[in-house]
Amino acid sequence: METKHTPGPWRACKFDDTKSTTIYSNASSKSLASVKSAEDARLIAAAPRLLQFALAFRDSGADSVGGIDVHELICNATGHES
């Protein structure tokens, strides 16, 4: 599956002189987003690795875990139809 998002890993950085947390790409060091909540920033920064995990989980033959449909999750993350 080809991804069109900025390659991960991403990182969340909070600077003392700002009220927001910025998400950066390690691949290009460019700013991807800025959010007010540090918690949201950490979750956003984890997105590429979470998608990578979901793809590997699906490729291992698993369909769901804990009531979560892995195929639907991947479609939600990538914008593809389920």
PDB file of N, CA and C in Angstrom:
ATOM      1  N   MET A   1       0.835  -1.176   0.000  1.00  0.00           N
ATOM      2  CA  MET A   1       0.000   0.000   0.000  1.00  0.00           C
ATOM      3  C   MET A   1       0.883   1.243   0.000  1.00  0.00           C
ATOM      4  N   GLU A   2       0.666   2.102  -0.961  1.00  0.00           N
ATOM      5  CA  GLU A   2       1.425   3.352  -1.033  1.00  0.00           C
ATOM      6  C   GLU A   2       0.784   4.387  -0.110  1.00  0.00           C
ATOM      7  N   THR A   3       1.605   5.040   0.681  1.00  0.00           N
ATOM      8  CA  THR A   3       1.087   6.087   1.550  1.00  0.00           C
ATOM      9  C   THR A   3       1.429   7.445   0.963  1.00  0.00           C
ATOM     10  N   LYS A   4       0.548   8.402   1.185  1.00  0.00           N
ATOM     11  CA  LYS A   4       0.766   9.736   0.653  1.00  0.00           C
ATOM     12  C   LYS A   4       1.046  10.740   1.757  1.00  0.00           C
ATOM     13  N   HIS A   5       1.137  10.261   2.968  1.00  0.00           N
ATOM     14  CA  HIS A   5       1.445  11.166   4.077  1.00  0.00           C
ATOM     15  C   HIS A   5       2.951  11.360   4.193  1.00  0.00           C
ATOM     16  N   THR A   6       3.338  12.352   4.948  1.00  0.00           N
ATOM     17  CA  THR A   6       4.755  12.595   5.199  1.00  0.00           C
ATOM     18  C   THR A   6       5.331  11.400   5.939  1.00  0.00           C
ATOM     19  N   PRO A   7       6.436  10.852   5.475  1.00  0.00           N
ATOM     20  CA  PRO A   7       6.998   9.668   6.128  1.00  0.00           C
ATOM     21  C   PRO A   7       7.317   9.924   7.600  1.00  0.00           C
ATOM     22  N   GLY A   8       7.099   8.906   8.414  1.00  0.00           N
ATOM     23  CA  GLY A   8       7.451   8.983   9.827  1.00  0.00           C
ATOM     24  C   GLY A   8       8.889   8.560  10.005  1.00  0.00           C
ATOM     25  N   PRO A   9       9.408   8.544  11.177  1.00  0.00           N
ATOM     26  CA  PRO A   9       8.667   8.892  12.387  1.00  0.00           C
ATOM     27  C   PRO A   9       8.473  10.396  12.524  1.00  0.00           C
ATOM     28  N   TRP A  10       7.453  10.743  13.318  1.00  0.00           N
ATOM     29  CA  TRP A  10       7.173  12.126  13.644  1.00  0.00           C
ATOM     30  C   TRP A  10       7.471  12.329  15.119  1.00  0.00           C
ATOM     31  N   ARG A  11       7.660  13.576  15.505  1.00  0.00           N
ATOM     32  CA  ARG A  11       7.892  13.875  16.921  1.00  0.00           C
ATOM     33  C   ARG A  11       7.123  15.131  17.312  1.00  0.00           C
ATOM     34  N   ALA A  12       6.721  15.186  18.560  1.00  0.00           N
ATOM     35  CA  ALA A  12       6.009  16.343  19.101  1.00  0.00           C
ATOM     36  C   ALA A  12       6.986  17.154  19.948  1.00  0.00           C
ATOM     37  N   CYS A  13       7.041  18.458  19.707  1.00  0.00           N
ATOM     38  CA  CYS A  13       7.970  19.334  20.437  1.00  0.00           C
ATOM     39  C   CYS A  13       7.217  20.514  21.031  1.00  0.00           C
ATOM     40  N   LYS A  14       7.407  20.730  22.304  1.00  0.00           N
ATOM     41  CA  LYS A  14       6.825  21.873  23.011  1.00  0.00           C
ATOM     42  C   LYS A  14       7.961  22.808  23.368  1.00  0.00           C
ATOM     43  N   PHE A  15       7.841  24.040  22.917  1.00  0.00           N
ATOM     44  CA  PHE A  15       8.851  25.044  23.225  1.00  0.00           C
ATOM     45  C   PHE A  15       8.322  25.963  24.314  1.00  0.00           C
ATOM     46  N   ASP A  16       9.191  26.408  25.193  1.00  0.00           N
ATOM     47  CA  ASP A  16       8.785  27.221  26.334  1.00  0.00           C
ATOM     48  C   ASP A  16       8.105  28.524  25.939  1.00  0.00           C
ATOM     49  N   ASP A  17       8.459  29.085  24.794  1.00  0.00           N
ATOM     50  CA  ASP A  17       7.926  30.386  24.414  1.00  0.00           C
ATOM     51  C   ASP A  17       6.623  30.316  23.610  1.00  0.00           C
ATOM     52  N   THR A  18       6.024  29.118  23.514  1.00  0.00           N
ATOM     53  CA  THR A  18       4.769  28.973  22.776  1.00  0.00           C
ATOM     54  C   THR A  18       3.732  28.277  23.646  1.00  0.00           C
ATOM     55  N   LYS A  19       2.463  28.444  23.260  1.00  0.00           N
ATOM     56  CA  LYS A  19       1.371  27.787  23.975  1.00  0.00           C
ATOM     57  C   LYS A  19       0.929  26.512  23.260  1.00  0.00           C
ATOM     58  N   SER A  20       1.572  26.192  22.150  1.00  0.00           N
ATOM     59  CA  SER A  20       1.180  25.014  21.386  1.00  0.00           C
ATOM     60  C   SER A  20       2.343  24.025  21.296  1.00  0.00           C
ATOM     61  N   THR A  21       2.006  22.826  20.858  1.00  0.00           N
ATOM     62  CA  THR A  21       2.996  21.786  20.617  1.00  0.00           C
ATOM     63  C   THR A  21       3.019  21.530  19.118  1.00  0.00           C
ATOM     64  N   THR A  22       4.196  21.464  18.541  1.00  0.00           N
ATOM     65  CA  THR A  22       4.346  21.309  17.096  1.00  0.00           C
ATOM     66  C   THR A  22       4.809  19.894  16.780  1.00  0.00           C
ATOM     67  N   ILE A  23       4.232  19.334  15.721  1.00  0.00           N
ATOM     68  CA  ILE A  23       4.606  18.001  15.256  1.00  0.00           C
ATOM     69  C   ILE A  23       5.546  18.178  14.077  1.00  0.00           C
ATOM     70  N   TYR A  24       6.681  17.499  14.133  1.00  0.00           N
ATOM     71  CA  TYR A  24       7.709  17.568  13.083  1.00  0.00           C
ATOM     72  C   TYR A  24       7.953  16.182  12.498  1.00  0.00           C
ATOM     73  N   SER A  25       8.346  16.165  11.240  1.00  0.00           N
ATOM     74  CA  SER A  25       8.778  14.938  10.586  1.00  0.00           C
ATOM     75  C   SER A  25      10.276  14.778  10.806  1.00  0.00           C
ATOM     76  N   ASN A  26      10.692  13.609  11.260  1.00  0.00           N
ATOM     77  CA  ASN A  26      12.128  13.343  11.390  1.00  0.00           C
ATOM     78  C   ASN A  26      12.794  13.262  10.021  1.00  0.00           C
ATOM     79  N   ALA A  27      12.027  12.847   9.005  1.00  0.00           N
ATOM     80  CA  ALA A  27      12.590  12.669   7.667  1.00  0.00           C
ATOM     81  C   ALA A  27      12.977  14.001   7.038  1.00  0.00           C
ATOM     82  N   SER A  28      12.193  15.055   7.290  1.00  0.00           N
ATOM     83  CA  SER A  28      12.476  16.324   6.618  1.00  0.00           C
ATOM     84  C   SER A  28      12.645  17.486   7.588  1.00  0.00           C
ATOM     85  N   SER A  29      12.402  17.261   8.860  1.00  0.00           N
ATOM     86  CA  SER A  29      12.469  18.299   9.895  1.00  0.00           C
ATOM     87  C   SER A  29      11.508  19.453   9.627  1.00  0.00           C
ATOM     88  N   LYS A  30      10.472  19.205   8.812  1.00  0.00           N
ATOM     89  CA  LYS A  30       9.506  20.270   8.569  1.00  0.00           C
ATOM     90  C   LYS A  30       8.349  20.151   9.546  1.00  0.00           C
ATOM     91  N   SER A  31       7.743  21.278   9.839  1.00  0.00           N
ATOM     92  CA  SER A  31       6.594  21.327  10.730  1.00  0.00           C
ATOM     93  C   SER A  31       5.376  20.772  10.000  1.00  0.00           C
ATOM     94  N   LEU A  32       4.668  19.833  10.637  1.00  0.00           N
ATOM     95  CA  LEU A  32       3.482  19.233  10.033  1.00  0.00           C
ATOM     96  C   LEU A  32       2.197  19.839  10.573  1.00  0.00           C
ATOM     97  N   ALA A  33       2.201  20.175  11.863  1.00  0.00           N
ATOM     98  CA  ALA A  33       1.000  20.708  12.499  1.00  0.00           C
ATOM     99  C   ALA A  33       1.380  21.325  13.825  1.00  0.00           C
ATOM    100  N   SER A  34       0.488  22.155  14.309  1.00  0.00           N
ATOM    101  CA  SER A  34       0.664  22.742  15.626  1.00  0.00           C
ATOM    102  C   SER A  34      -0.677  22.639  16.345  1.00  0.00           C
ATOM    103  N   VAL A  35      -0.667  22.075  17.534  1.00  0.00           N
ATOM    104  CA  VAL A  35      -1.907  21.878  18.290  1.00  0.00           C
ATOM    105  C   VAL A  35      -1.736  22.401  19.707  1.00  0.00           C
ATOM    106  N   LYS A  36      -2.852  22.731  20.337  1.00  0.00           N
ATOM    107  CA  LYS A  36      -2.803  23.301  21.682  1.00  0.00           C
ATOM    108  C   LYS A  36      -2.539  22.249  22.749  1.00  0.00           C
ATOM    109  N   SER A  37      -2.993  21.040  22.519  1.00  0.00           N
ATOM    110  CA  SER A  37      -2.871  19.987  23.526  1.00  0.00           C
ATOM    111  C   SER A  37      -1.631  19.132  23.280  1.00  0.00           C
ATOM    112  N   ALA A  38      -0.774  19.044  24.278  1.00  0.00           N
ATOM    113  CA  ALA A  38       0.415  18.192  24.170  1.00  0.00           C
ATOM    114  C   ALA A  38       0.013  16.733  24.023  1.00  0.00           C
ATOM    115  N   GLU A  39      -1.074  16.333  24.662  1.00  0.00           N
ATOM    116  CA  GLU A  39      -1.555  14.951  24.560  1.00  0.00           C
ATOM    117  C   GLU A  39      -1.973  14.633  23.127  1.00  0.00           C
ATOM    118  N   ASP A  40      -2.721  15.564  22.489  1.00  0.00           N
ATOM    119  CA  ASP A  40      -3.112  15.367  21.091  1.00  0.00           C
ATOM    120  C   ASP A  40      -1.885  15.315  20.189  1.00  0.00           C
ATOM    121  N   ALA A  41      -0.912  16.157  20.464  1.00  0.00           N
ATOM    122  CA  ALA A  41       0.308  16.194  19.658  1.00  0.00           C
ATOM    123  C   ALA A  41       1.051  14.863  19.718  1.00  0.00           C
ATOM    124  N   ARG A  42       1.136  14.279  20.905  1.00  0.00           N
ATOM    125  CA  ARG A  42       1.822  12.976  21.027  1.00  0.00           C
ATOM    126  C   ARG A  42       1.080  11.893  20.249  1.00  0.00           C
ATOM    127  N   LEU A  43      -0.254  11.914  20.300  1.00  0.00           N
ATOM    128  CA  LEU A  43      -1.043  10.925  19.563  1.00  0.00           C
ATOM    129  C   LEU A  43      -0.869  11.107  18.062  1.00  0.00           C
ATOM    130  N   ILE A  44      -0.907  12.344  17.590  1.00  0.00           N
ATOM    131  CA  ILE A  44      -0.695  12.622  16.168  1.00  0.00           C
ATOM    132  C   ILE A  44       0.703  12.171  15.740  1.00  0.00           C
ATOM    133  N   ALA A  45       1.698  12.468  16.556  1.00  0.00           N
ATOM    134  CA  ALA A  45       3.074  12.094  16.230  1.00  0.00           C
ATOM    135  C   ALA A  45       3.243  10.575  16.152  1.00  0.00           C
ATOM    136  N   ALA A  46       2.432   9.833  16.896  1.00  0.00           N
ATOM    137  CA  ALA A  46       2.519   8.369  16.889  1.00  0.00           C
ATOM    138  C   ALA A  46       1.798   7.741  15.693  1.00  0.00           C
ATOM    139  N   ALA A  47       1.013   8.524  14.948  1.00  0.00           N
ATOM    140  CA  ALA A  47       0.169   7.992  13.875  1.00  0.00           C
ATOM    141  C   ALA A  47       0.912   7.140  12.837  1.00  0.00           C
ATOM    142  N   PRO A  48       2.057   7.560  12.303  1.00  0.00           N
ATOM    143  CA  PRO A  48       2.719   6.712  11.303  1.00  0.00           C
ATOM    144  C   PRO A  48       3.114   5.333  11.845  1.00  0.00           C
ATOM    145  N   ARG A  49       3.577   5.285  13.084  1.00  0.00           N
ATOM    146  CA  ARG A  49       3.969   3.992  13.669  1.00  0.00           C
ATOM    147  C   ARG A  49       2.739   3.148  13.981  1.00  0.00           C
ATOM    148  N   LEU A  50       1.647   3.785  14.406  1.00  0.00           N
ATOM    149  CA  LEU A  50       0.413   3.046  14.663  1.00  0.00           C
ATOM    150  C   LEU A  50      -0.138   2.452  13.373  1.00  0.00           C
ATOM    151  N   LEU A  51      -0.070   3.216  12.272  1.00  0.00           N
ATOM    152  CA  LEU A  51      -0.507   2.688  10.978  1.00  0.00           C
ATOM    153  C   LEU A  51       0.399   1.542  10.545  1.00  0.00           C
ATOM    154  N   GLN A  52       1.692   1.687  10.719  1.00  0.00           N
ATOM    155  CA  GLN A  52       2.640   0.623  10.373  1.00  0.00           C
ATOM    156  C   GLN A  52       2.317  -0.645  11.166  1.00  0.00           C
ATOM    157  N   PHE A  53       1.997  -0.494  12.439  1.00  0.00           N
ATOM    158  CA  PHE A  53       1.637  -1.638  13.271  1.00  0.00           C
ATOM    159  C   PHE A  53       0.347  -2.286  12.769  1.00  0.00           C
ATOM    160  N   ALA A  54      -0.656  -1.470  12.443  1.00  0.00           N
ATOM    161  CA  ALA A  54      -1.927  -2.006  11.955  1.00  0.00           C
ATOM    162  C   ALA A  54      -1.732  -2.776  10.656  1.00  0.00           C
ATOM    163  N   LEU A  55      -0.903  -2.260   9.761  1.00  0.00           N
ATOM    164  CA  LEU A  55      -0.625  -2.950   8.494  1.00  0.00           C
ATOM    165  C   LEU A  55       0.082  -4.283   8.744  1.00  0.00           C
ATOM    166  N   ALA A  56       1.046  -4.299   9.638  1.00  0.00           N
ATOM    167  CA  ALA A  56       1.759  -5.545   9.962  1.00  0.00           C
ATOM    168  C   ALA A  56       0.818  -6.543  10.623  1.00  0.00           C
ATOM    169  N   PHE A  57      -0.052  -6.052  11.476  1.00  0.00           N
ATOM    170  CA  PHE A  57      -1.027  -6.910  12.159  1.00  0.00           C
ATOM    171  C   PHE A  57      -1.961  -7.557  11.137  1.00  0.00           C
ATOM    172  N   ARG A  58      -2.452  -6.747  10.197  1.00  0.00           N
ATOM    173  CA  ARG A  58      -3.315  -7.270   9.132  1.00  0.00           C
ATOM    174  C   ARG A  58      -2.569  -8.285   8.279  1.00  0.00           C
ATOM    175  N   ASP A  59      -1.313  -7.966   7.933  1.00  0.00           N
ATOM    176  CA  ASP A  59      -0.525  -8.853   7.086  1.00  0.00           C
ATOM    177  C   ASP A  59      -0.192 -10.175   7.772  1.00  0.00           C
ATOM    178  N   SER A  60      -0.291 -10.204   9.093  1.00  0.00           N
ATOM    179  CA  SER A  60      -0.064 -11.460   9.822  1.00  0.00           C
ATOM    180  C   SER A  60      -1.283 -12.373   9.769  1.00  0.00           C
ATOM    181  N   GLY A  61      -2.377 -11.883   9.167  1.00  0.00           N
ATOM    182  CA  GLY A  61      -3.580 -12.689   9.028  1.00  0.00           C
ATOM    183  C   GLY A  61      -4.668 -12.337  10.016  1.00  0.00           C
ATOM    184  N   ALA A  62      -4.440 -11.386  10.875  1.00  0.00           N
ATOM    185  CA  ALA A  62      -5.443 -11.004  11.872  1.00  0.00           C
ATOM    186  C   ALA A  62      -6.496 -10.098  11.243  1.00  0.00           C
ATOM    187  N   ASP A  63      -7.745 -10.282  11.665  1.00  0.00           N
ATOM    188  CA  ASP A  63      -8.843  -9.448  11.179  1.00  0.00           C
ATOM    189  C   ASP A  63      -9.262  -8.396  12.193  1.00  0.00           C
ATOM    190  N   SER A  64      -9.183  -8.760  13.467  1.00  0.00           N
ATOM    191  CA  SER A  64      -9.623  -7.831  14.501  1.00  0.00           C
ATOM    192  C   SER A  64      -8.952  -8.173  15.817  1.00  0.00           C
ATOM    193  N   VAL A  65      -8.969  -7.200  16.708  1.00  0.00           N
ATOM    194  CA  VAL A  65      -8.463  -7.390  18.055  1.00  0.00           C
ATOM    195  C   VAL A  65      -9.243  -6.449  18.971  1.00  0.00           C
ATOM    196  N   GLY A  66      -9.666  -6.957  20.093  1.00  0.00           N
ATOM    197  CA  GLY A  66     -10.398  -6.131  21.046  1.00  0.00           C
ATOM    198  C   GLY A  66     -11.631  -5.467  20.458  1.00  0.00           C
ATOM    199  N   GLY A  67     -12.260  -6.112  19.485  1.00  0.00           N
ATOM    200  CA  GLY A  67     -13.445  -5.559  18.850  1.00  0.00           C
ATOM    201  C   GLY A  67     -13.151  -4.505  17.788  1.00  0.00           C
ATOM    202  N   ILE A  68     -11.881  -4.297  17.477  1.00  0.00           N
ATOM    203  CA  ILE A  68     -11.500  -3.316  16.456  1.00  0.00           C
ATOM    204  C   ILE A  68     -11.206  -4.048  15.152  1.00  0.00           C
ATOM    205  N   ASP A  69     -11.928  -3.688  14.099  1.00  0.00           N
ATOM    206  CA  ASP A  69     -11.717  -4.256  12.774  1.00  0.00           C
ATOM    207  C   ASP A  69     -10.473  -3.602  12.173  1.00  0.00           C
ATOM    208  N   VAL A  70      -9.428  -4.390  11.961  1.00  0.00           N
ATOM    209  CA  VAL A  70      -8.153  -3.858  11.501  1.00  0.00           C
ATOM    210  C   VAL A  70      -8.270  -3.264  10.098  1.00  0.00           C
ATOM    211  N   HIS A  71      -9.021  -3.916   9.221  1.00  0.00           N
ATOM    212  CA  HIS A  71      -9.196  -3.407   7.855  1.00  0.00           C
ATOM    213  C   HIS A  71      -9.890  -2.038   7.887  1.00  0.00           C
ATOM    214  N   GLU A  72     -10.926  -1.907   8.687  1.00  0.00           N
ATOM    215  CA  GLU A  72     -11.641  -0.630   8.802  1.00  0.00           C
ATOM    216  C   GLU A  72     -10.732   0.462   9.371  1.00  0.00           C
ATOM    217  N   LEU A  73      -9.934   0.099  10.355  1.00  0.00           N
ATOM    218  CA  LEU A  73      -8.994   1.051  10.951  1.00  0.00           C
ATOM    219  C   LEU A  73      -8.010   1.573   9.911  1.00  0.00           C
ATOM    220  N   ILE A  74      -7.458   0.673   9.105  1.00  0.00           N
ATOM    221  CA  ILE A  74      -6.506   1.070   8.061  1.00  0.00           C
ATOM    222  C   ILE A  74      -7.192   1.947   7.019  1.00  0.00           C
ATOM    223  N   CYS A  75      -8.410   1.605   6.644  1.00  0.00           N
ATOM    224  CA  CYS A  75      -9.153   2.435   5.685  1.00  0.00           C
ATOM    225  C   CYS A  75      -9.418   3.823   6.248  1.00  0.00           C
ATOM    226  N   ASN A  76      -9.752   3.914   7.519  1.00  0.00           N
ATOM    227  CA  ASN A  76      -9.967   5.225   8.148  1.00  0.00           C
ATOM    228  C   ASN A  76      -8.688   6.051   8.139  1.00  0.00           C
ATOM    229  N   ALA A  77      -7.571   5.407   8.408  1.00  0.00           N
ATOM    230  CA  ALA A  77      -6.289   6.120   8.480  1.00  0.00           C
ATOM    231  C   ALA A  77      -5.786   6.560   7.109  1.00  0.00           C
ATOM    232  N   THR A  78      -6.101   5.777   6.077  1.00  0.00           N
ATOM    233  CA  THR A  78      -5.549   6.062   4.744  1.00  0.00           C
ATOM    234  C   THR A  78      -6.529   6.769   3.816  1.00  0.00           C
ATOM    235  N   GLY A  79      -7.793   6.817   4.217  1.00  0.00           N
ATOM    236  CA  GLY A  79      -8.796   7.457   3.371  1.00  0.00           C
ATOM    237  C   GLY A  79      -9.340   6.563   2.277  1.00  0.00           C
ATOM    238  N   HIS A  80      -9.004   5.282   2.329  1.00  0.00           N
ATOM    239  CA  HIS A  80      -9.516   4.331   1.348  1.00  0.00           C
ATOM    240  C   HIS A  80     -10.898   3.831   1.773  1.00  0.00           C
ATOM    241  N   GLU A  81     -11.669   3.404   0.801  1.00  0.00           N
ATOM    242  CA  GLU A  81     -12.988   2.828   1.077  1.00  0.00           C
ATOM    243  C   GLU A  81     -12.818   1.484   1.762  1.00  0.00           C
ATOM    244  N   SER A  82     -13.703   1.189   2.694  1.00  0.00           N
ATOM    245  CA  SER A  82     -13.631  -0.125   3.376  1.00  0.00           C
ATOM    246  C   SER A  82     -14.372  -1.186   2.630  1.00  0.00           C
TER     247      SER A  82
END
